[in-house]
Each structure stands twice: as structure tokens, then as C-alpha cells.
Amino acid sequence: MRLGRVTGRLWCTAKIPEHEGKRMLIVQPIDSDGGDSGETLVCTDVVGAGAGETVYWVRGKEAALAFLPEVVSSDATIVGIVDPIASEMPRDA
């Protein structure tokens, strides 16, 4: 899994049938400090992420597996929304 920040949404006037009803979001990959890390990409969204949120995203076979049992071809998929990132464990944990 990789970290990213949702920067926008993509609207498609024509889609293949398996992508009907699927949201596609523009994601900026980020490093653990929140800085940009690489080129933006389009991800299919299965968790309902919104603009500005930090997300987990996957590529390759795992991207398509997120839709099981439905068969959806996807090269990159958002699979989680990240709560705040802490660089240290809390002392009371």
C-alpha cells in the first residue's frame, strides 16, 4: 500500500460497463511526511474518499481484488482513508 492525497475527481462521459457507477479520483502520491512523491495518477475509489483526504492506494493485481466478487479492471485503487499520522507511538498505548 502507498500513501496519497486526493486532489480532484475525474468525470467520464463514456465508460466501459464494468466501470459504471465507480468513482475515479486524482491522487498525488506522498511520502510519510506528507510531501509530494511522484506524478499524480487516477485511482478507482472503493471507500468514498473526498478531496484533500490522505488515502491508502494499491496498484496491480491488488487494485482489481478490492472489488471482489465483482470483476473490475483497475490499475490503481483507493482502499483506505488514513486517520492522522503519528511519527511516534503515544505513551499510553
N, C-alpha and C. Protein backbone atom coordinates (compact mmCIF):
# COMPACT_ATOMS: atom_id res chain seq x y z
N MET A 1 0.83 -1.18 0.00
CA MET A 1 0.00 0.00 0.00
C MET A 1 0.88 1.24 0.00
N ARG A 2 0.37 2.27 -0.59
CA ARG A 2 1.09 3.53 -0.68
C ARG A 2 0.20 4.66 -0.18
N LEU A 3 0.81 5.74 0.25
CA LEU A 3 0.05 6.90 0.71
C LEU A 3 -0.16 7.89 -0.42
N GLY A 4 -1.29 8.57 -0.39
CA GLY A 4 -1.56 9.60 -1.37
C GLY A 4 -2.55 10.61 -0.82
N ARG A 5 -2.71 11.71 -1.53
CA ARG A 5 -3.66 12.76 -1.15
C ARG A 5 -4.59 12.99 -2.34
N VAL A 6 -5.88 12.95 -2.09
CA VAL A 6 -6.87 13.16 -3.15
C VAL A 6 -6.85 14.64 -3.53
N THR A 7 -6.61 14.91 -4.82
CA THR A 7 -6.53 16.29 -5.28
C THR A 7 -7.66 16.67 -6.23
N GLY A 8 -8.46 15.70 -6.64
CA GLY A 8 -9.55 16.03 -7.55
C GLY A 8 -10.35 14.80 -7.94
N ARG A 9 -11.34 15.03 -8.77
CA ARG A 9 -12.22 13.96 -9.24
C ARG A 9 -12.26 13.97 -10.75
N LEU A 10 -12.39 12.82 -11.35
CA LEU A 10 -12.42 12.68 -12.79
C LEU A 10 -13.84 12.29 -13.23
N TRP A 11 -14.40 13.03 -14.18
CA TRP A 11 -15.70 12.69 -14.74
C TRP A 11 -15.48 12.10 -16.11
N CYS A 12 -16.18 11.01 -16.39
CA CYS A 12 -16.08 10.34 -17.69
C CYS A 12 -17.45 10.32 -18.35
N THR A 13 -17.51 10.77 -19.59
CA THR A 13 -18.78 10.74 -20.30
C THR A 13 -19.06 9.37 -20.90
N ALA A 14 -18.03 8.59 -21.09
CA ALA A 14 -18.19 7.23 -21.60
C ALA A 14 -17.26 6.31 -20.83
N LYS A 15 -17.81 5.20 -20.34
CA LYS A 15 -17.02 4.23 -19.57
C LYS A 15 -17.34 2.83 -20.09
N ILE A 16 -16.44 1.90 -19.85
CA ILE A 16 -16.77 0.51 -20.11
C ILE A 16 -17.80 0.09 -19.07
N PRO A 17 -18.66 -0.86 -19.37
CA PRO A 17 -19.75 -1.22 -18.46
C PRO A 17 -19.30 -1.56 -17.03
N GLU A 18 -18.17 -2.20 -16.86
CA GLU A 18 -17.73 -2.59 -15.51
C GLU A 18 -17.32 -1.39 -14.65
N HIS A 19 -17.13 -0.24 -15.27
CA HIS A 19 -16.77 0.97 -14.51
C HIS A 19 -17.97 1.89 -14.24
N GLU A 20 -19.15 1.52 -14.75
CA GLU A 20 -20.34 2.32 -14.48
C GLU A 20 -20.59 2.38 -12.98
N GLY A 21 -20.81 3.58 -12.46
CA GLY A 21 -21.08 3.75 -11.04
C GLY A 21 -19.84 3.79 -10.16
N LYS A 22 -18.66 3.65 -10.73
CA LYS A 22 -17.40 3.69 -9.96
C LYS A 22 -16.83 5.11 -10.00
N ARG A 23 -16.40 5.60 -8.85
CA ARG A 23 -15.79 6.93 -8.78
C ARG A 23 -14.31 6.82 -9.13
N MET A 24 -13.82 7.82 -9.84
CA MET A 24 -12.40 7.89 -10.18
C MET A 24 -11.86 9.20 -9.65
N LEU A 25 -10.80 9.11 -8.83
CA LEU A 25 -10.23 10.28 -8.19
C LEU A 25 -8.78 10.49 -8.61
N ILE A 26 -8.36 11.74 -8.60
CA ILE A 26 -6.97 12.08 -8.91
C ILE A 26 -6.21 12.08 -7.59
N VAL A 27 -5.09 11.34 -7.55
CA VAL A 27 -4.32 11.17 -6.32
C VAL A 27 -2.88 11.60 -6.54
N GLN A 28 -2.35 12.37 -5.60
CA GLN A 28 -0.95 12.76 -5.57
C GLN A 28 -0.25 11.85 -4.58
N PRO A 29 0.66 10.97 -5.03
CA PRO A 29 1.41 10.14 -4.08
C PRO A 29 2.20 11.04 -3.13
N ILE A 30 2.27 10.63 -1.85
CA ILE A 30 3.01 11.40 -0.85
C ILE A 30 3.94 10.48 -0.07
N ASP A 31 4.95 11.09 0.58
CA ASP A 31 5.83 10.32 1.45
C ASP A 31 5.27 10.36 2.88
N SER A 32 5.95 9.74 3.83
CA SER A 32 5.45 9.64 5.19
C SER A 32 5.37 10.99 5.90
N ASP A 33 6.06 12.00 5.36
CA ASP A 33 5.99 13.34 5.93
C ASP A 33 4.92 14.20 5.28
N GLY A 34 4.21 13.66 4.28
CA GLY A 34 3.14 14.39 3.61
C GLY A 34 3.58 15.18 2.39
N GLY A 35 4.87 15.08 2.02
CA GLY A 35 5.37 15.78 0.84
C GLY A 35 5.07 15.02 -0.44
N ASP A 36 4.91 15.74 -1.54
CA ASP A 36 4.65 15.10 -2.84
C ASP A 36 5.77 14.14 -3.19
N SER A 37 5.38 13.00 -3.76
CA SER A 37 6.35 11.96 -4.09
C SER A 37 5.95 11.29 -5.40
N GLY A 38 6.25 11.90 -6.52
CA GLY A 38 5.93 11.30 -7.80
C GLY A 38 4.80 12.01 -8.51
N GLU A 39 4.42 11.45 -9.66
CA GLU A 39 3.39 12.02 -10.53
C GLU A 39 2.00 11.65 -10.04
N THR A 40 1.03 12.53 -10.30
CA THR A 40 -0.36 12.23 -9.96
C THR A 40 -0.86 11.06 -10.81
N LEU A 41 -1.89 10.40 -10.31
CA LEU A 41 -2.48 9.28 -11.04
C LEU A 41 -3.97 9.25 -10.77
N VAL A 42 -4.68 8.48 -11.58
CA VAL A 42 -6.12 8.29 -11.41
C VAL A 42 -6.34 6.96 -10.72
N CYS A 43 -7.12 6.99 -9.63
CA CYS A 43 -7.43 5.77 -8.88
C CYS A 43 -8.94 5.56 -8.85
N THR A 44 -9.36 4.32 -8.96
CA THR A 44 -10.74 3.97 -8.72
C THR A 44 -10.93 3.97 -7.20
N ASP A 45 -12.08 4.42 -6.72
CA ASP A 45 -12.31 4.56 -5.28
C ASP A 45 -13.35 3.57 -4.79
N VAL A 46 -13.00 2.79 -3.76
CA VAL A 46 -13.97 1.85 -3.17
C VAL A 46 -14.39 2.26 -1.76
N VAL A 47 -13.83 3.34 -1.22
CA VAL A 47 -14.10 3.70 0.18
C VAL A 47 -14.81 5.03 0.36
N GLY A 48 -15.04 5.77 -0.69
CA GLY A 48 -15.73 7.04 -0.58
C GLY A 48 -14.85 8.19 -0.11
N ALA A 49 -13.61 8.22 -0.56
CA ALA A 49 -12.68 9.28 -0.17
C ALA A 49 -13.09 10.61 -0.79
N GLY A 50 -12.67 11.70 -0.14
CA GLY A 50 -13.00 13.02 -0.64
C GLY A 50 -11.77 13.88 -0.86
N ALA A 51 -11.98 15.03 -1.46
CA ALA A 51 -10.88 15.94 -1.77
C ALA A 51 -10.10 16.32 -0.52
N GLY A 52 -8.77 16.28 -0.63
CA GLY A 52 -7.89 16.66 0.46
C GLY A 52 -7.58 15.55 1.45
N GLU A 53 -8.28 14.43 1.37
CA GLU A 53 -8.05 13.35 2.33
C GLU A 53 -6.78 12.57 1.98
N THR A 54 -6.12 12.06 3.02
CA THR A 54 -4.98 11.17 2.84
C THR A 54 -5.53 9.76 2.74
N VAL A 55 -5.05 9.01 1.74
CA VAL A 55 -5.58 7.68 1.47
C VAL A 55 -4.46 6.65 1.30
N TYR A 56 -4.86 5.38 1.44
CA TYR A 56 -4.01 4.26 1.04
C TYR A 56 -4.45 3.87 -0.35
N TRP A 57 -3.52 3.59 -1.23
CA TRP A 57 -3.87 3.12 -2.57
C TRP A 57 -2.94 1.98 -2.95
N VAL A 58 -3.43 1.11 -3.82
CA VAL A 58 -2.67 -0.06 -4.26
C VAL A 58 -2.65 -0.10 -5.78
N ARG A 59 -1.68 -0.82 -6.30
CA ARG A 59 -1.53 -0.99 -7.76
C ARG A 59 -1.51 -2.46 -8.12
N GLY A 60 -1.66 -2.72 -9.40
CA GLY A 60 -1.53 -4.08 -9.91
C GLY A 60 -2.71 -4.96 -9.55
N LYS A 61 -2.44 -6.23 -9.32
CA LYS A 61 -3.49 -7.21 -9.05
C LYS A 61 -4.33 -6.82 -7.84
N GLU A 62 -3.69 -6.27 -6.81
CA GLU A 62 -4.42 -5.88 -5.61
C GLU A 62 -5.47 -4.81 -5.90
N ALA A 63 -5.22 -3.96 -6.89
CA ALA A 63 -6.17 -2.91 -7.24
C ALA A 63 -7.48 -3.51 -7.75
N ALA A 64 -7.40 -4.57 -8.51
CA ALA A 64 -8.61 -5.23 -9.03
C ALA A 64 -9.28 -6.08 -7.95
N LEU A 65 -8.50 -6.66 -7.04
CA LEU A 65 -9.06 -7.52 -5.99
C LEU A 65 -9.95 -6.75 -5.02
N ALA A 66 -9.79 -5.46 -4.93
CA ALA A 66 -10.59 -4.66 -4.00
C ALA A 66 -12.08 -4.71 -4.32
N PHE A 67 -12.44 -5.11 -5.52
CA PHE A 67 -13.84 -5.12 -5.95
C PHE A 67 -14.50 -6.49 -5.85
N LEU A 68 -13.76 -7.52 -5.47
CA LEU A 68 -14.33 -8.86 -5.42
C LEU A 68 -15.60 -8.88 -4.59
N PRO A 69 -16.60 -9.65 -4.96
CA PRO A 69 -16.64 -10.65 -6.02
C PRO A 69 -16.89 -10.08 -7.41
N GLU A 70 -17.12 -8.77 -7.52
CA GLU A 70 -17.30 -8.14 -8.82
C GLU A 70 -15.97 -8.10 -9.55
N VAL A 71 -16.00 -8.25 -10.87
CA VAL A 71 -14.79 -8.18 -11.68
C VAL A 71 -14.67 -6.79 -12.28
N VAL A 72 -13.66 -6.04 -11.84
CA VAL A 72 -13.42 -4.68 -12.33
C VAL A 72 -11.94 -4.55 -12.63
N SER A 73 -11.61 -4.12 -13.86
CA SER A 73 -10.20 -3.90 -14.19
C SER A 73 -9.81 -2.52 -13.67
N SER A 74 -8.76 -2.49 -12.86
CA SER A 74 -8.29 -1.24 -12.30
C SER A 74 -6.79 -1.36 -12.07
N ASP A 75 -6.04 -0.37 -12.49
CA ASP A 75 -4.60 -0.38 -12.27
C ASP A 75 -4.22 0.22 -10.93
N ALA A 76 -5.06 1.13 -10.41
CA ALA A 76 -4.80 1.77 -9.11
C ALA A 76 -6.14 1.99 -8.42
N THR A 77 -6.23 1.59 -7.13
CA THR A 77 -7.47 1.69 -6.38
C THR A 77 -7.21 2.23 -4.99
N ILE A 78 -8.06 3.15 -4.54
CA ILE A 78 -8.01 3.64 -3.17
C ILE A 78 -8.71 2.60 -2.30
N VAL A 79 -8.00 2.10 -1.27
CA VAL A 79 -8.55 1.04 -0.43
C VAL A 79 -8.72 1.45 1.04
N GLY A 80 -8.31 2.66 1.39
CA GLY A 80 -8.48 3.11 2.77
C GLY A 80 -8.28 4.60 2.92
N ILE A 81 -8.95 5.16 3.94
CA ILE A 81 -8.77 6.56 4.29
C ILE A 81 -7.95 6.61 5.57
N VAL A 82 -6.91 7.44 5.58
CA VAL A 82 -5.96 7.48 6.69
C VAL A 82 -6.42 8.48 7.75
N ASP A 83 -6.42 8.03 8.99
CA ASP A 83 -6.60 8.95 10.12
C ASP A 83 -5.28 9.68 10.31
N PRO A 84 -5.17 10.59 11.26
CA PRO A 84 -3.91 11.31 11.44
C PRO A 84 -2.70 10.37 11.57
N ILE A 85 -1.57 10.80 11.00
CA ILE A 85 -0.35 10.01 11.05
C ILE A 85 0.51 10.51 12.20
N ALA A 86 0.95 9.61 13.07
CA ALA A 86 1.81 9.97 14.19
C ALA A 86 3.18 9.35 13.96
N SER A 87 4.23 10.14 14.15
CA SER A 87 5.58 9.62 13.94
C SER A 87 6.08 8.82 15.14
N GLU A 88 5.41 8.95 16.28
CA GLU A 88 5.78 8.22 17.49
C GLU A 88 4.54 7.57 18.07
N MET A 89 4.73 6.46 18.79
CA MET A 89 3.63 5.81 19.47
C MET A 89 3.23 6.64 20.68
N PRO A 90 1.94 6.79 20.96
CA PRO A 90 1.53 7.50 22.17
C PRO A 90 2.02 6.77 23.42
N ARG A 91 2.34 7.47 24.45
CA ARG A 91 2.88 6.86 25.68
C ARG A 91 1.85 6.00 26.38
N ASP A 92 0.57 6.28 26.23
CA ASP A 92 -0.46 5.50 26.92
C ASP A 92 -0.91 4.27 26.14
N ALA A 93 -0.27 3.98 25.00
CA ALA A 93 -0.68 2.83 24.17
C ALA A 93 -0.03 1.55 24.66
